[in-house]
PDB file of N, CA and C in Angstrom:
ATOM      1  N   MET A   1      -2.892  -7.561 -19.379  1.00  0.00           N
ATOM      2  CA  MET A   1      -2.786  -7.626 -18.238  1.00  0.00           C
ATOM      3  C   MET A   1      -4.460  -6.413 -17.984  1.00  0.00           C
ATOM      4  N   GLN A   2      -4.346  -6.811 -16.200  1.00  0.00           N
ATOM      5  CA  GLN A   2      -5.978  -6.752 -15.915  1.00  0.00           C
ATOM      6  C   GLN A   2      -5.403  -5.423 -14.952  1.00  0.00           C
ATOM      7  N   PRO A   3      -6.038  -4.518 -14.992  1.00  0.00           N
ATOM      8  CA  PRO A   3      -5.717  -3.533 -13.853  1.00  0.00           C
ATOM      9  C   PRO A   3      -6.281  -3.780 -12.737  1.00  0.00           C
ATOM     10  N   ILE A   4      -5.122  -2.516 -11.749  1.00  0.00           N
ATOM     11  CA  ILE A   4      -5.900  -3.176 -10.158  1.00  0.00           C
ATOM     12  C   ILE A   4      -7.389  -3.044 -10.176  1.00  0.00           C
ATOM     13  N   LYS A   5      -8.333  -3.635  -9.247  1.00  0.00           N
ATOM     14  CA  LYS A   5      -9.166  -3.670  -8.817  1.00  0.00           C
ATOM     15  C   LYS A   5      -9.295  -3.721  -7.052  1.00  0.00           C
ATOM     16  N   LEU A   6     -10.574  -2.537  -7.291  1.00  0.00           N
ATOM     17  CA  LEU A   6     -10.108  -2.847  -5.059  1.00  0.00           C
ATOM     18  C   LEU A   6     -11.555  -3.666  -4.894  1.00  0.00           C
ATOM     19  N   LYS A   7     -11.187  -4.022  -4.042  1.00  0.00           N
ATOM     20  CA  LYS A   7     -12.076  -4.767  -3.342  1.00  0.00           C
ATOM     21  C   LYS A   7     -13.030  -3.688  -2.730  1.00  0.00           C
ATOM     22  N   ASP A   8     -12.791  -3.242  -2.398  1.00  0.00           N
ATOM     23  CA  ASP A   8     -14.033  -2.479  -1.383  1.00  0.00           C
ATOM     24  C   ASP A   8     -12.957  -0.459  -2.041  1.00  0.00           C
ATOM     25  N   PRO A   9     -13.650  -0.028  -2.751  1.00  0.00           N
ATOM     26  CA  PRO A   9     -13.436   1.035  -3.036  1.00  0.00           C
ATOM     27  C   PRO A   9     -13.467   2.579  -2.090  1.00  0.00           C
ATOM     28  N   ALA A  10     -14.530   2.192  -1.333  1.00  0.00           N
ATOM     29  CA  ALA A  10     -15.104   3.212  -0.311  1.00  0.00           C
ATOM     30  C   ALA A  10     -14.009   3.784   1.076  1.00  0.00           C
ATOM     31  N   TRP A  11     -13.858   1.944   1.481  1.00  0.00           N
ATOM     32  CA  TRP A  11     -12.652   1.674   2.409  1.00  0.00           C
ATOM     33  C   TRP A  11     -11.440   2.506   1.680  1.00  0.00           C
ATOM     34  N   PHE A  12     -10.927   2.232   0.851  1.00  0.00           N
ATOM     35  CA  PHE A  12      -9.425   2.907   0.486  1.00  0.00           C
ATOM     36  C   PHE A  12      -9.906   4.158  -0.139  1.00  0.00           C
ATOM     37  N   ALA A  13     -10.426   4.570  -0.622  1.00  0.00           N
ATOM     38  CA  ALA A  13     -10.537   6.571  -0.505  1.00  0.00           C
ATOM     39  C   ALA A  13     -10.970   7.075   0.806  1.00  0.00           C
ATOM     40  N   ASN A  14     -11.678   6.206   2.053  1.00  0.00           N
ATOM     41  CA  ASN A  14     -11.531   6.988   3.140  1.00  0.00           C
ATOM     42  C   ASN A  14     -10.721   6.675   3.817  1.00  0.00           C
ATOM     43  N   GLU A  15      -9.777   5.471   4.257  1.00  0.00           N
ATOM     44  CA  GLU A  15      -8.026   5.315   4.513  1.00  0.00           C
ATOM     45  C   GLU A  15      -7.295   6.261   4.172  1.00  0.00           C
ATOM     46  N   PHE A  16      -6.907   6.554   2.642  1.00  0.00           N
ATOM     47  CA  PHE A  16      -6.504   7.662   2.119  1.00  0.00           C
ATOM     48  C   PHE A  16      -6.527   9.211   2.594  1.00  0.00           C
ATOM     49  N   LEU A  17      -7.597   9.375   2.833  1.00  0.00           N
ATOM     50  CA  LEU A  17      -7.592  10.462   2.724  1.00  0.00           C
ATOM     51  C   LEU A  17      -7.869  10.922   4.737  1.00  0.00           C
ATOM     52  N   ARG A  18      -7.992   9.346   5.377  1.00  0.00           N
ATOM     53  CA  ARG A  18      -7.669   9.738   6.474  1.00  0.00           C
ATOM     54  C   ARG A  18      -6.213  10.078   7.295  1.00  0.00           C
ATOM     55  N   LEU A  19      -5.453   8.954   6.016  1.00  0.00           N
ATOM     56  CA  LEU A  19      -4.275   9.339   6.549  1.00  0.00           C
ATOM     57  C   LEU A  19      -3.409  10.321   6.155  1.00  0.00           C
ATOM     58  N   THR A  20      -3.665  10.595   5.047  1.00  0.00           N
ATOM     59  CA  THR A  20      -3.124  11.955   4.186  1.00  0.00           C
ATOM     60  C   THR A  20      -3.454  13.318   5.080  1.00  0.00           C
ATOM     61  N   LEU A  21      -4.362  13.075   4.960  1.00  0.00           N
ATOM     62  CA  LEU A  21      -4.496  14.794   5.958  1.00  0.00           C
ATOM     63  C   LEU A  21      -3.778  14.558   7.400  1.00  0.00           C
ATOM     64  N   THR A  22      -4.473  13.437   8.233  1.00  0.00           N
ATOM     65  CA  THR A  22      -3.460  13.026   8.944  1.00  0.00           C
ATOM     66  C   THR A  22      -2.411  14.003   9.210  1.00  0.00           C
ATOM     67  N   GLN A  23      -1.300  13.850   8.232  1.00  0.00           N
ATOM     68  CA  GLN A  23      -0.196  13.920   8.059  1.00  0.00           C
ATOM     69  C   GLN A  23      -0.245  15.496   7.575  1.00  0.00           C
ATOM     70  N   GLY A  24      -0.738  16.359   7.212  1.00  0.00           N
ATOM     71  CA  GLY A  24      -0.859  17.629   6.929  1.00  0.00           C
ATOM     72  C   GLY A  24      -1.213  17.394   4.956  1.00  0.00           C
ATOM     73  N   PHE A  25      -1.927  18.116   4.429  1.00  0.00           N
ATOM     74  CA  PHE A  25      -1.743  17.831   2.872  1.00  0.00           C
ATOM     75  C   PHE A  25      -1.036  18.238   2.311  1.00  0.00           C
ATOM     76  N   GLN A  26      -0.523  18.094   1.591  1.00  0.00           N
ATOM     77  CA  GLN A  26       0.830  18.403   0.822  1.00  0.00           C
ATOM     78  C   GLN A  26       2.405  18.650   1.498  1.00  0.00           C
ATOM     79  N   TRP A  27       2.118  17.876   2.523  1.00  0.00           N
ATOM     80  CA  TRP A  27       2.923  17.856   3.377  1.00  0.00           C
ATOM     81  C   TRP A  27       4.013  16.102   3.073  1.00  0.00           C
ATOM     82  N   LEU A  28       3.388  15.629   2.357  1.00  0.00           N
ATOM     83  CA  LEU A  28       4.036  14.169   2.053  1.00  0.00           C
ATOM     84  C   LEU A  28       4.502  14.123   0.770  1.00  0.00           C
ATOM     85  N   THR A  29       5.385  13.516   0.727  1.00  0.00           N
ATOM     86  CA  THR A  29       6.412  13.540  -1.026  1.00  0.00           C
ATOM     87  C   THR A  29       5.809  12.352  -1.538  1.00  0.00           C
ATOM     88  N   LYS A  30       6.315  12.211  -2.646  1.00  0.00           N
ATOM     89  CA  LYS A  30       5.603  11.396  -3.870  1.00  0.00           C
ATOM     90  C   LYS A  30       6.000   9.603  -3.286  1.00  0.00           C
ATOM     91  N   ARG A  31       7.221   9.568  -2.479  1.00  0.00           N
ATOM     92  CA  ARG A  31       7.988   8.336  -2.415  1.00  0.00           C
ATOM     93  C   ARG A  31       6.510   8.246  -0.904  1.00  0.00           C
ATOM     94  N   ASP A  32       6.357   8.900  -0.234  1.00  0.00           N
ATOM     95  CA  ASP A  32       5.344   8.525   0.945  1.00  0.00           C
ATOM     96  C   ASP A  32       4.132   8.685   0.252  1.00  0.00           C
ATOM     97  N   LEU A  33       3.768   8.622  -0.996  1.00  0.00           N
ATOM     98  CA  LEU A  33       2.302   8.717  -1.305  1.00  0.00           C
ATOM     99  C   LEU A  33       2.346   7.101  -1.601  1.00  0.00           C
ATOM    100  N   ASP A  34       3.506   6.846  -2.653  1.00  0.00           N
ATOM    101  CA  ASP A  34       3.255   5.587  -3.425  1.00  0.00           C
ATOM    102  C   ASP A  34       3.316   4.270  -2.244  1.00  0.00           C
ATOM    103  N   LEU A  35       4.374   4.870  -1.424  1.00  0.00           N
ATOM    104  CA  LEU A  35       4.333   3.832  -0.367  1.00  0.00           C
ATOM    105  C   LEU A  35       3.028   3.467   0.429  1.00  0.00           C
ATOM    106  N   LEU A  36       2.315   4.681   0.943  1.00  0.00           N
ATOM    107  CA  LEU A  36       1.026   4.474   1.938  1.00  0.00           C
ATOM    108  C   LEU A  36       0.022   3.869   0.064  1.00  0.00           C
ATOM    109  N   ILE A  37      -0.261   3.905  -0.380  1.00  0.00           N
ATOM    110  CA  ILE A  37      -1.039   3.705  -1.630  1.00  0.00           C
ATOM    111  C   ILE A  37      -0.759   1.907  -1.400  1.00  0.00           C
ATOM    112  N   PHE A  38       0.704   1.923  -2.109  1.00  0.00           N
ATOM    113  CA  PHE A  38       1.087   0.024  -2.243  1.00  0.00           C
ATOM    114  C   PHE A  38       0.426  -0.088  -0.740  1.00  0.00           C
ATOM    115  N   VAL A  39       0.334  -0.138   0.143  1.00  0.00           N
ATOM    116  CA  VAL A  39       0.192  -0.649   1.693  1.00  0.00           C
ATOM    117  C   VAL A  39      -1.174  -0.629   1.569  1.00  0.00           C
ATOM    118  N   LEU A  40      -2.316   0.242   1.177  1.00  0.00           N
ATOM    119  CA  LEU A  40      -3.269   0.165   0.891  1.00  0.00           C
ATOM    120  C   LEU A  40      -3.623  -0.509   0.256  1.00  0.00           C
ATOM    121  N   LEU A  41      -3.337  -0.382  -0.733  1.00  0.00           N
ATOM    122  CA  LEU A  41      -3.928  -1.770  -2.035  1.00  0.00           C
ATOM    123  C   LEU A  41      -3.996  -4.071  -1.475  1.00  0.00           C
ATOM    124  N   GLU A  42      -2.033  -3.241  -0.846  1.00  0.00           N
ATOM    125  CA  GLU A  42      -2.679  -4.742  -0.035  1.00  0.00           C
ATOM    126  C   GLU A  42      -2.900  -5.201   1.018  1.00  0.00           C
ATOM    127  N   ARG A  43      -3.222  -4.031   2.205  1.00  0.00           N
ATOM    128  CA  ARG A  43      -4.173  -3.962   3.275  1.00  0.00           C
ATOM    129  C   ARG A  43      -6.109  -4.662   2.169  1.00  0.00           C
ATOM    130  N   ASP A  44      -6.190  -3.614   1.046  1.00  0.00           N
ATOM    131  CA  ASP A  44      -7.502  -3.739   0.255  1.00  0.00           C
ATOM    132  C   ASP A  44      -7.610  -5.389  -0.151  1.00  0.00           C
ATOM    133  N   GLY A  45      -6.450  -6.560  -0.304  1.00  0.00           N
ATOM    134  CA  GLY A  45      -6.653  -7.661  -1.033  1.00  0.00           C
ATOM    135  C   GLY A  45      -6.421  -7.042  -2.472  1.00  0.00           C
ATOM    136  N   ALA A  46      -6.075  -6.166  -2.961  1.00  0.00           N
ATOM    137  CA  ALA A  46      -6.228  -6.234  -4.540  1.00  0.00           C
ATOM    138  C   ALA A  46      -5.243  -6.526  -4.963  1.00  0.00           C
ATOM    139  N   ILE A  47      -3.859  -6.430  -4.120  1.00  0.00           N
ATOM    140  CA  ILE A  47      -2.626  -6.790  -4.808  1.00  0.00           C
ATOM    141  C   ILE A  47      -2.333  -8.068  -2.851  1.00  0.00           C
ATOM    142  N   ALA A  48      -2.137  -9.036  -3.347  1.00  0.00           N
ATOM    143  CA  ALA A  48      -2.685 -10.193  -2.296  1.00  0.00           C
ATOM    144  C   ALA A  48      -0.769 -10.287  -1.482  1.00  0.00           C
ATOM    145  N   ARG A  49      -1.000 -10.037  -0.460  1.00  0.00           N
ATOM    146  CA  ARG A  49       0.193 -10.514   0.303  1.00  0.00           C
ATOM    147  C   ARG A  49       1.123 -12.114   0.092  1.00  0.00           C
ATOM    148  N   SER A  50      -0.054 -12.514   0.018  1.00  0.00           N
ATOM    149  CA  SER A  50       0.771 -14.225  -0.240  1.00  0.00           C
ATOM    150  C   SER A  50       1.239 -14.526  -1.553  1.00  0.00           C
ATOM    151  N   ASP A  51       1.248 -13.270  -2.583  1.00  0.00           N
ATOM    152  CA  ASP A  51       1.545 -13.673  -3.939  1.00  0.00           C
ATOM    153  C   ASP A  51       3.576 -13.487  -3.346  1.00  0.00           C
ATOM    154  N   SER A  52       3.905 -14.176  -4.547  1.00  0.00           N
ATOM    155  CA  SER A  52       5.533 -13.813  -4.874  1.00  0.00           C
ATOM    156  C   SER A  52       5.386 -12.071  -4.940  1.00  0.00           C
ATOM    157  N   ASN A  53       7.023 -11.913  -4.843  1.00  0.00           N
ATOM    158  CA  ASN A  53       6.827 -10.205  -5.311  1.00  0.00           C
ATOM    159  C   ASN A  53       6.879 -10.347  -6.941  1.00  0.00           C
ATOM    160  N   ALA A  54       7.585 -11.598  -7.701  1.00  0.00           N
ATOM    161  CA  ALA A  54       7.623 -11.853  -9.329  1.00  0.00           C
ATOM    162  C   ALA A  54       5.601 -11.039  -9.453  1.00  0.00           C
ATOM    163  N   ALA A  55       4.690 -12.320  -9.059  1.00  0.00           N
ATOM    164  CA  ALA A  55       3.259 -12.012  -8.777  1.00  0.00           C
ATOM    165  C   ALA A  55       2.823 -10.865  -9.072  1.00  0.00           C
ATOM    166  N   ALA A  56       3.038  -9.980  -7.177  1.00  0.00           N
ATOM    167  CA  ALA A  56       2.720  -8.801  -6.974  1.00  0.00           C
ATOM    168  C   ALA A  56       3.693  -7.883  -7.966  1.00  0.00           C
ATOM    169  N   ALA A  57       4.330  -8.105  -8.200  1.00  0.00           N
ATOM    170  CA  ALA A  57       4.955  -6.708  -9.442  1.00  0.00           C
ATOM    171  C   ALA A  57       4.074  -6.877 -11.091  1.00  0.00           C
ATOM    172  N   LEU A  58       2.853  -7.401 -11.525  1.00  0.00           N
ATOM    173  CA  LEU A  58       2.658  -7.539 -12.186  1.00  0.00           C
ATOM    174  C   LEU A  58       1.537  -6.637 -12.850  1.00  0.00           C
ATOM    175  N   ARG A  59       0.555  -6.266 -11.438  1.00  0.00           N
ATOM    176  CA  ARG A  59      -0.390  -5.790 -11.638  1.00  0.00           C
ATOM    177  C   ARG A  59      -0.245  -4.225 -11.249  1.00  0.00           C
ATOM    178  N   PRO A  60       0.559  -3.715 -10.588  1.00  0.00           N
ATOM    179  CA  PRO A  60       1.029  -1.769 -10.883  1.00  0.00           C
ATOM    180  C   PRO A  60       2.479  -2.323 -11.951  1.00  0.00           C
ATOM    181  N   ARG A  61       2.582  -2.887 -12.360  1.00  0.00           N
ATOM    182  CA  ARG A  61       3.612  -2.770 -13.888  1.00  0.00           C
ATOM    183  C   ARG A  61       4.651  -2.425 -12.873  1.00  0.00           C
ATOM    184  N   VAL A  62       5.078  -2.947 -11.802  1.00  0.00           N
ATOM    185  CA  VAL A  62       7.152  -2.276 -11.225  1.00  0.00           C
ATOM    186  C   VAL A  62       7.079  -3.473 -11.201  1.00  0.00           C
ATOM    187  N   THR A  63       8.595  -3.903 -10.787  1.00  0.00           N
ATOM    188  CA  THR A  63       9.679  -4.397 -10.782  1.00  0.00           C
ATOM    189  C   THR A  63       9.558  -5.804  -9.249  1.00  0.00           C
ATOM    190  N   PRO A  64       9.796  -6.783  -9.711  1.00  0.00           N
ATOM    191  CA  PRO A  64      10.327  -7.892  -7.558  1.00  0.00           C
ATOM    192  C   PRO A  64      10.206  -6.801  -7.189  1.00  0.00           C
ATOM    193  N   ALA A  65      11.457  -6.688  -6.924  1.00  0.00           N
ATOM    194  CA  ALA A  65      12.763  -5.650  -6.369  1.00  0.00           C
ATOM    195  C   ALA A  65      12.117  -4.427  -6.055  1.00  0.00           C
ATOM    196  N   LYS A  66      11.527  -3.948  -6.319  1.00  0.00           N
ATOM    197  CA  LYS A  66      10.430  -2.418  -6.564  1.00  0.00           C
ATOM    198  C   LYS A  66       9.006  -3.000  -5.193  1.00  0.00           C
ATOM    199  N   VAL A  67       8.402  -3.802  -5.578  1.00  0.00           N
ATOM    200  CA  VAL A  67       7.698  -4.688  -4.816  1.00  0.00           C
ATOM    201  C   VAL A  67       8.165  -4.655  -3.316  1.00  0.00           C
ATOM    202  N   LYS A  68       9.546  -5.424  -3.473  1.00  0.00           N
ATOM    203  CA  LYS A  68      10.435  -5.823  -1.845  1.00  0.00           C
ATOM    204  C   LYS A  68      10.259  -4.511  -0.827  1.00  0.00           C
ATOM    205  N   ALA A  69      11.062  -3.804  -1.865  1.00  0.00           N
ATOM    206  CA  ALA A  69      10.473  -2.198  -1.258  1.00  0.00           C
ATOM    207  C   ALA A  69       9.785  -1.808  -1.037  1.00  0.00           C
ATOM    208  N   LEU A  70       8.773  -1.713  -1.594  1.00  0.00           N
ATOM    209  CA  LEU A  70       7.915  -1.070  -1.288  1.00  0.00           C
ATOM    210  C   LEU A  70       6.496  -1.235   0.115  1.00  0.00           C
ATOM    211  N   GLN A  71       7.208  -2.712  -0.076  1.00  0.00           N
ATOM    212  CA  GLN A  71       6.211  -3.765   1.089  1.00  0.00           C
ATOM    213  C   GLN A  71       7.130  -3.630   2.598  1.00  0.00           C
ATOM    214  N   ARG A  72       8.303  -3.096   2.273  1.00  0.00           N
ATOM    215  CA  ARG A  72       9.872  -2.851   3.513  1.00  0.00           C
ATOM    216  C   ARG A  72       9.309  -1.369   4.027  1.00  0.00           C
ATOM    217  N   ASP A  73       9.606  -0.381   3.353  1.00  0.00           N
ATOM    218  CA  ASP A  73       9.827   1.219   3.405  1.00  0.00           C
ATOM    219  C   ASP A  73       8.030   1.176   3.772  1.00  0.00           C
ATOM    220  N   GLY A  74       6.870   0.547   3.040  1.00  0.00           N
ATOM    221  CA  GLY A  74       5.941   1.065   3.336  1.00  0.00           C
ATOM    222  C   GLY A  74       5.371   0.528   4.516  1.00  0.00           C
ATOM    223  N   TYR A  75       5.583  -0.321   5.399  1.00  0.00           N
ATOM    224  CA  TYR A  75       4.750  -0.781   6.373  1.00  0.00           C
ATOM    225  C   TYR A  75       5.691  -0.198   7.373  1.00  0.00           C
ATOM    226  N   ALA A  76       6.969  -0.355   6.758  1.00  0.00           N
ATOM    227  CA  ALA A  76       7.850   1.133   8.461  1.00  0.00           C
ATOM    228  C   ALA A  76       7.389   2.546   8.210  1.00  0.00           C
ATOM    229  N   ARG A  77       6.891   2.954   7.087  1.00  0.00           N
ATOM    230  CA  ARG A  77       6.717   3.953   7.164  1.00  0.00           C
ATOM    231  C   ARG A  77       5.437   4.689   7.677  1.00  0.00           C
ATOM    232  N   TRP A  78       4.675   3.395   7.858  1.00  0.00           N
ATOM    233  CA  TRP A  78       2.639   3.939   7.540  1.00  0.00           C
ATOM    234  C   TRP A  78       2.045   3.165   9.087  1.00  0.00           C
ATOM    235  N   ARG A  79       3.152   2.057   9.294  1.00  0.00           N
ATOM    236  CA  ARG A  79       2.821   1.051  10.510  1.00  0.00           C
ATOM    237  C   ARG A  79       2.493   1.606  11.599  1.00  0.00           C
ATOM    238  N   SER A  80       2.764   2.824  12.021  1.00  0.00           N
ATOM    239  CA  SER A  80       1.971   3.202  13.211  1.00  0.00           C
ATOM    240  C   SER A  80       0.583   4.051  12.976  1.00  0.00           C
ATOM    241  N   LEU A  81      -0.004   4.092  11.889  1.00  0.00           N
ATOM    242  CA  LEU A  81      -1.182   4.734  11.643  1.00  0.00           C
ATOM    243  C   LEU A  81      -1.881   3.615  11.047  1.00  0.00           C
ATOM    244  N   VAL A  82      -1.201   2.761  11.009  1.00  0.00           N
ATOM    245  CA  VAL A  82      -2.382   1.062  10.227  1.00  0.00           C
ATOM    246  C   VAL A  82      -2.984   0.953  10.818  1.00  0.00           C
ATOM    247  N   PRO A  83      -3.891   0.729  11.683  1.00  0.00           N
ATOM    248  CA  PRO A  83      -4.566   0.091  12.821  1.00  0.00           C
ATOM    249  C   PRO A  83      -5.501  -1.478  12.108  1.00  0.00           C
ATOM    250  N   GLU A  84      -3.544  -2.203  12.588  1.00  0.00           N
ATOM    251  CA  GLU A  84      -3.477  -3.765  12.183  1.00  0.00           C
ATOM    252  C   GLU A  84      -2.577  -4.735  13.066  1.00  0.00           C
ATOM    253  N   GLU A  85      -2.618  -5.486  13.712  1.00  0.00           N
ATOM    254  CA  GLU A  85      -1.898  -6.268  14.426  1.00  0.00           C
ATOM    255  C   GLU A  85      -0.251  -6.241  13.777  1.00  0.00           C
ATOM    256  N   SER A  86       0.715  -6.445  14.608  1.00  0.00           N
ATOM    257  CA  SER A  86       1.766  -6.020  13.874  1.00  0.00           C
ATOM    258  C   SER A  86       2.502  -7.552  13.038  1.00  0.00           C
ATOM    259  N   ASP A  87       1.717  -9.036  13.752  1.00  0.00           N
ATOM    260  CA  ASP A  87       2.359 -10.186  12.922  1.00  0.00           C
ATOM    261  C   ASP A  87       1.789 -10.152  11.635  1.00  0.00           C
ATOM    262  N   ALA A  88       0.597  -9.521  11.242  1.00  0.00           N
ATOM    263  CA  ALA A  88      -0.416  -9.642  10.450  1.00  0.00           C
ATOM    264  C   ALA A  88       0.076  -9.039   8.984  1.00  0.00           C
ATOM    265  N   ALA A  89       0.469  -7.565   9.485  1.00  0.00           N
ATOM    266  CA  ALA A  89       1.609  -6.086   8.874  1.00  0.00           C
ATOM    267  C   ALA A  89       2.211  -6.795   8.262  1.00  0.00           C
ATOM    268  N   MET A  90       3.811  -7.846   8.725  1.00  0.00           N
ATOM    269  CA  MET A  90       4.225  -8.197   7.896  1.00  0.00           C
ATOM    270  C   MET A  90       4.181  -9.497   7.477  1.00  0.00           C
TER     271      MET A  90
END
């Protein structure tokens, strides 16, 4: 299995820092960080939104049920901070 390869590592790093610092450094839970990373991986294209949950689960090595939960909870948690049209987010 190939590791996840970011399409735009600089964008990913900038967005990650911007969003985590917006919330306050060290105020985010591990779950918040997991959700943010997953949302940013999808937005970067490193994990394709069009993939099935089973296919998307292979690269980060999680279960398909975990992918579904990460997608649902990630966009619920970070939706207001991610500049993206509502239709595109889901």
